[in-house]
Amino acid sequence: MSQYIQRSRPSDTTVGHVLREWRERRRLSQMNLALDAGISTRHLSFVESGRSSPSRDLLTRLAETLAMPLRAQNRLMLSAGYAPIHADHDFDAAEMAHVRTTVEAVLEAQMPFPALAVDSRWTLVRANQATMDLLTGINVEMLSPPLNVLRLSLHPQGLASRIVNFAAWRHHLLDRLQVQMTSSGDSVLVDLHKELASYPSPPPQKIEEERSHPLVAVPLELRVPDSDVVLRFISTTTMFSTATSVTLSELALECFYPADADTRAALLQQEIKGAP
């Protein structure tokens, strides 16, 4: 059985198939999962084989034990004939108005430093002006929606030629994507990883050379077009850990901070120039 799943209609699979899929992804035996969830191994076996119909409460308990993402929990419920338990609205829907206001406030507060919001597949949802300024001169086709942030970063017509420590940054992004796709089982991320890994890459020894820096994290080093100025950033990722909405649970805020005094000064100076 494939390790990865399609985000197909939940009715296409049985509840037993979905449970077994996630149990195997978490590398748990039926006995271990049953013990963790406080049910008998026999009962779990019957549910997976289709000989027993699980209650909504039991599925909720199993989903929590398996640490299933909210989207996957909805899929589990639908596969058993129950209504989804988590709302799933488009980010621009009226129901998400308060969330949009919060996200946009966070991005704006990050100025004059870059910040952006992406969904679980790294599609750009929102970005502040500092982020957009860094994309000046990029091939317009690369910036057409839906804009995938990882593709933009590593594509030869994207930011790749501007990233000074491209080998180390590429290695960092592919590693991060590998962890995410293994955890989520999303086949779209698998295809994205294959695509990004197929782009031209520097020799392996280049990675170690670029990682020998004094910072405690891999920086993003961007050369400003038509100049010798290099902006160096370290980044943080913020997730909404208490989200009960699928859309919000899959949203990530990526905030970039100056990794040295020169970068801070350059961005602050740019803000002064742009002030009315």
Protein backbone atom coordinates (compact mmCIF):
# COMPACT_ATOMS: atom_id res chain seq x y z
CA MET A 1 0.00 0.00 0.00
CA SER A 2 1.28 3.45 -0.90
CA GLN A 3 2.58 5.54 1.98
CA TYR A 4 0.93 8.65 0.54
CA ILE A 5 -2.70 9.48 -0.05
CA GLN A 6 -4.62 11.67 -2.45
CA ARG A 7 -6.92 14.35 -1.11
CA SER A 8 -9.74 12.54 -2.87
CA ARG A 9 -13.39 12.41 -1.88
CA PRO A 10 -13.66 10.66 1.51
CA SER A 11 -16.48 8.42 0.21
CA ASP A 12 -13.96 6.77 -2.11
CA THR A 13 -12.45 4.84 0.82
CA THR A 14 -13.75 2.94 3.82
CA VAL A 15 -13.25 4.00 7.42
CA GLY A 16 -11.13 0.90 7.98
CA HIS A 17 -8.84 1.83 5.11
CA VAL A 18 -8.41 5.39 6.39
CA LEU A 19 -7.64 4.21 9.92
CA ARG A 20 -5.15 1.60 8.78
CA GLU A 21 -3.51 4.15 6.50
CA TRP A 22 -2.88 6.58 9.36
CA ARG A 23 -1.94 3.89 11.85
CA GLU A 24 0.76 2.63 9.50
CA ARG A 25 1.92 6.18 8.80
CA ARG A 26 2.40 6.65 12.56
CA ARG A 27 4.22 3.29 12.66
CA LEU A 28 1.84 1.82 15.21
CA SER A 29 0.66 -1.77 15.49
CA GLN A 30 -3.02 -2.46 16.11
CA MET A 31 -2.11 -3.40 19.67
CA ASN A 32 -0.22 -0.17 20.33
CA LEU A 33 -2.95 2.02 18.89
CA ALA A 34 -5.65 0.14 20.78
CA LEU A 35 -3.76 0.51 24.07
CA ASP A 36 -3.16 4.21 23.48
CA ALA A 37 -6.82 4.78 22.61
CA GLY A 38 -8.13 2.66 25.47
CA ILE A 39 -9.96 0.08 23.38
CA SER A 40 -9.43 -3.61 22.69
CA THR A 41 -7.21 -4.79 19.86
CA ARG A 42 -10.08 -7.02 18.71
CA HIS A 43 -12.42 -4.04 18.42
CA LEU A 44 -9.88 -2.04 16.41
CA SER A 45 -9.25 -5.02 14.16
CA PHE A 46 -12.98 -5.35 13.48
CA VAL A 47 -13.25 -1.64 12.62
CA GLU A 48 -10.31 -1.80 10.21
CA SER A 49 -11.66 -4.92 8.52
CA GLY A 50 -15.17 -3.52 8.22
CA ARG A 51 -16.77 -6.05 10.56
CA SER A 52 -17.69 -3.35 13.07
CA SER A 53 -19.10 0.14 12.61
CA PRO A 54 -17.32 2.63 14.87
CA SER A 55 -19.15 5.33 16.80
CA ARG A 56 -18.43 9.01 16.26
CA ASP A 57 -16.84 9.20 19.73
CA LEU A 58 -14.56 6.27 18.98
CA LEU A 59 -13.37 7.85 15.74
CA THR A 60 -12.71 11.12 17.54
CA ARG A 61 -10.60 9.27 20.12
CA LEU A 62 -8.65 7.39 17.45
CA ALA A 63 -8.08 10.55 15.42
CA GLU A 64 -6.67 12.34 18.48
CA THR A 65 -4.48 9.37 19.35
CA LEU A 66 -3.11 9.30 15.80
CA ALA A 67 -2.58 13.09 15.86
CA MET A 68 -4.44 13.33 12.57
CA PRO A 69 -4.62 16.79 10.95
CA LEU A 70 -8.08 18.37 10.96
CA ARG A 71 -8.57 17.76 7.24
CA ALA A 72 -7.79 14.08 7.75
CA GLN A 73 -10.17 13.93 10.73
CA ASN A 74 -12.98 15.20 8.51
CA ARG A 75 -12.08 12.59 5.92
CA LEU A 76 -12.21 9.89 8.60
CA MET A 77 -15.67 11.00 9.74
CA LEU A 78 -17.04 11.17 6.21
CA SER A 79 -15.67 7.72 5.39
CA ALA A 80 -17.76 6.35 8.26
CA GLY A 81 -20.89 8.22 7.19
CA TYR A 82 -20.69 11.04 9.74
CA ALA A 83 -20.70 14.77 9.12
CA PRO A 84 -17.32 16.55 9.23
CA ILE A 85 -16.41 17.89 12.66
CA HIS A 86 -14.22 20.80 11.56
CA ALA A 87 -15.26 23.78 9.44
CA ASP A 88 -13.46 24.13 6.12
CA HIS A 89 -13.90 27.56 4.56
CA ASP A 90 -11.84 29.29 1.90
CA PHE A 91 -9.49 31.87 3.42
CA ASP A 92 -11.36 34.67 1.65
CA ALA A 93 -14.80 33.47 2.79
CA ALA A 94 -16.93 35.71 5.00
CA GLU A 95 -16.60 33.23 7.86
CA MET A 96 -12.84 33.84 7.91
CA ALA A 97 -13.04 37.65 8.18
CA HIS A 98 -11.69 37.82 11.74
CA VAL A 99 -8.87 35.42 10.85
CA ARG A 100 -7.91 37.51 7.82
CA THR A 101 -7.84 40.64 9.95
CA THR A 102 -5.53 38.94 12.46
CA VAL A 103 -3.20 37.51 9.84
CA GLU A 104 -2.94 40.80 7.96
CA ALA A 105 -2.25 42.65 11.23
CA VAL A 106 0.62 40.27 12.03
CA LEU A 107 2.13 40.67 8.57
CA GLU A 108 1.82 44.44 8.70
CA ALA A 109 3.37 44.58 12.18
CA GLN A 110 6.40 42.75 10.79
CA MET A 111 7.24 45.71 8.50
CA PRO A 112 9.81 46.70 7.38
CA PHE A 113 10.85 43.05 7.54
CA PRO A 114 9.36 40.39 5.22
CA ALA A 115 6.49 38.16 6.31
CA LEU A 116 4.05 35.94 4.46
CA ALA A 117 1.26 33.45 5.05
CA VAL A 118 1.13 30.11 3.22
CA ASP A 119 -1.21 27.14 3.25
CA SER A 120 -0.22 23.51 3.84
CA ARG A 121 0.95 23.15 0.23
CA TRP A 122 3.06 26.33 0.36
CA THR A 123 0.67 28.37 -1.74
CA LEU A 124 0.97 32.07 -0.96
CA VAL A 125 -2.08 33.37 0.88
CA ARG A 126 -0.92 36.82 1.97
CA ALA A 127 2.35 38.78 2.04
CA ASN A 128 3.41 42.17 3.33
CA GLN A 129 4.96 44.86 1.17
CA ALA A 130 8.50 44.07 2.33
CA THR A 131 8.10 40.58 0.89
CA MET A 132 6.78 41.87 -2.41
CA ASP A 133 9.65 44.36 -2.65
CA LEU A 134 12.12 41.45 -2.58
CA LEU A 135 10.39 39.96 -5.63
CA THR A 136 10.89 43.00 -7.85
CA GLY A 137 12.25 41.94 -11.24
CA ILE A 138 11.20 38.28 -10.94
CA ASN A 139 9.69 36.70 -14.05
CA VAL A 140 5.99 37.67 -13.98
CA GLU A 141 4.94 34.13 -14.85
CA MET A 142 6.56 32.92 -11.63
CA LEU A 143 4.43 35.38 -9.67
CA SER A 144 1.11 34.42 -11.23
CA PRO A 145 -1.40 32.87 -8.79
CA PRO A 146 -1.48 30.32 -7.39
CA LEU A 147 2.05 31.21 -6.35
CA ASN A 148 3.95 28.36 -4.68
CA VAL A 149 6.57 29.83 -2.36
CA LEU A 150 8.95 26.85 -2.52
CA ARG A 151 8.81 26.74 -6.31
CA LEU A 152 9.49 30.47 -6.44
CA SER A 153 12.48 30.04 -4.12
CA LEU A 154 14.20 27.21 -5.99
CA HIS A 155 13.19 27.67 -9.63
CA PRO A 156 15.96 29.00 -11.93
CA GLN A 157 13.61 31.79 -13.07
CA GLY A 158 12.61 32.57 -9.51
CA LEU A 159 14.79 33.58 -6.58
CA ALA A 160 17.42 30.86 -7.07
CA SER A 161 19.93 33.10 -8.84
CA ARG A 162 19.67 35.70 -6.08
CA ILE A 163 20.19 33.33 -3.16
CA VAL A 164 23.85 33.54 -2.23
CA ASN A 165 23.82 30.39 -0.05
CA PHE A 166 21.58 28.52 -2.49
CA ALA A 167 22.99 25.06 -1.73
CA ALA A 168 22.34 25.30 2.00
CA TRP A 169 18.93 26.98 1.58
CA ARG A 170 17.82 24.41 -1.00
CA HIS A 171 18.88 21.58 1.31
CA HIS A 172 16.96 23.20 4.19
CA LEU A 173 13.75 23.61 2.19
CA LEU A 174 13.80 20.09 0.73
CA ASP A 175 14.42 18.59 4.17
CA ARG A 176 11.54 20.57 5.62
CA LEU A 177 9.24 19.52 2.79
CA GLN A 178 10.29 15.88 3.24
CA VAL A 179 9.25 15.94 6.91
CA GLN A 180 5.94 17.61 6.06
CA MET A 181 4.97 15.23 3.28
CA THR A 182 5.87 12.18 5.39
CA SER A 183 3.77 13.46 8.27
CA SER A 184 0.75 14.48 6.19
CA GLY A 185 0.81 11.85 3.46
CA ASP A 186 -0.25 14.49 0.93
CA SER A 187 0.64 13.28 -2.57
CA VAL A 188 0.66 16.86 -3.87
CA LEU A 189 3.62 17.56 -1.58
CA VAL A 190 5.30 14.40 -2.82
CA ASP A 191 4.98 15.62 -6.41
CA LEU A 192 6.20 19.07 -5.38
CA HIS A 193 9.28 17.57 -3.70
CA LYS A 194 10.10 15.57 -6.84
CA GLU A 195 9.73 18.68 -8.98
CA LEU A 196 11.92 20.86 -6.76
CA ALA A 197 14.58 18.17 -6.41
CA SER A 198 14.78 17.97 -10.21
CA TYR A 199 15.85 21.61 -10.55
CA PRO A 200 19.55 22.31 -11.17
CA SER A 201 21.46 21.86 -7.92
CA PRO A 202 24.97 22.73 -6.69
CA PRO A 203 27.50 20.00 -5.80
CA PRO A 204 27.01 18.34 -2.36
CA GLN A 205 30.24 19.79 -0.92
CA LYS A 206 28.82 23.25 -1.48
CA ILE A 207 26.19 22.58 1.18
CA GLU A 208 28.76 22.01 3.91
CA GLU A 209 30.73 25.06 2.85
CA GLU A 210 27.68 27.28 3.11
CA ARG A 211 26.52 25.81 6.40
CA SER A 212 29.76 26.74 8.13
CA HIS A 213 28.42 30.08 9.35
CA PRO A 214 28.32 31.45 12.92
CA LEU A 215 24.52 31.63 13.13
CA VAL A 216 22.46 29.05 15.00
CA ALA A 217 20.08 28.64 12.06
CA VAL A 218 20.42 28.41 8.28
CA PRO A 219 20.01 31.99 7.03
CA LEU A 220 18.44 33.13 3.80
CA GLU A 221 21.03 35.28 2.03
CA LEU A 222 19.53 37.33 -0.79
CA ARG A 223 21.51 39.51 -3.17
CA VAL A 224 19.76 42.73 -4.13
CA PRO A 225 19.52 42.89 -7.96
CA ASP A 226 22.06 45.10 -9.72
CA SER A 227 24.08 45.68 -6.54
CA ASP A 228 26.58 44.06 -4.20
CA VAL A 229 24.21 44.31 -1.23
CA VAL A 230 23.34 40.99 0.41
CA LEU A 231 20.41 40.81 2.83
CA ARG A 232 20.67 38.07 5.44
CA PHE A 233 17.60 36.75 7.26
CA ILE A 234 16.69 34.17 9.86
CA SER A 235 13.09 33.03 9.94
CA THR A 236 10.40 31.85 12.32
CA THR A 237 7.25 29.85 11.58
CA THR A 238 4.02 30.46 13.47
CA MET A 239 1.12 28.00 13.44
CA PHE A 240 -2.33 28.32 14.98
CA SER A 241 -2.09 25.34 17.33
CA THR A 242 -5.58 25.78 18.83
CA ALA A 243 -7.34 26.05 15.47
CA THR A 244 -10.64 24.24 15.02
CA SER A 245 -10.93 25.31 11.36
CA VAL A 246 -9.19 23.25 8.69
CA THR A 247 -8.05 26.35 6.83
CA LEU A 248 -6.61 28.00 9.93
CA SER A 249 -4.91 24.80 11.10
CA GLU A 250 -3.08 24.58 7.77
CA LEU A 251 -1.99 28.21 7.74
CA ALA A 252 1.63 29.11 8.53
CA LEU A 253 3.09 32.57 9.04
CA GLU A 254 6.70 32.83 7.91
CA CYS A 255 8.44 35.88 9.40
CA PHE A 256 11.95 36.92 8.42
CA TYR A 257 14.25 38.92 10.69
CA PRO A 258 17.61 40.57 9.98
CA ALA A 259 20.50 38.22 10.68
CA ASP A 260 23.02 41.05 10.88
CA ALA A 261 23.24 44.78 11.56
CA ASP A 262 23.74 45.69 7.89
CA THR A 263 20.49 43.99 6.85
CA ARG A 264 18.56 45.67 9.66
CA ALA A 265 19.97 49.07 8.71
CA ALA A 266 19.23 48.57 5.01
CA LEU A 267 15.59 47.63 5.61
CA LEU A 268 15.01 50.38 8.14
CA GLN A 269 16.49 52.89 5.71
CA GLN A 270 14.20 51.58 2.98
CA GLU A 271 11.21 52.13 5.29
CA ILE A 272 12.30 55.72 5.89
CA LYS A 273 12.56 56.31 2.14
CA GLY A 274 9.10 54.91 1.62
CA ALA A 275 7.50 56.97 4.38
CA PRO A 276 5.18 59.80 3.29
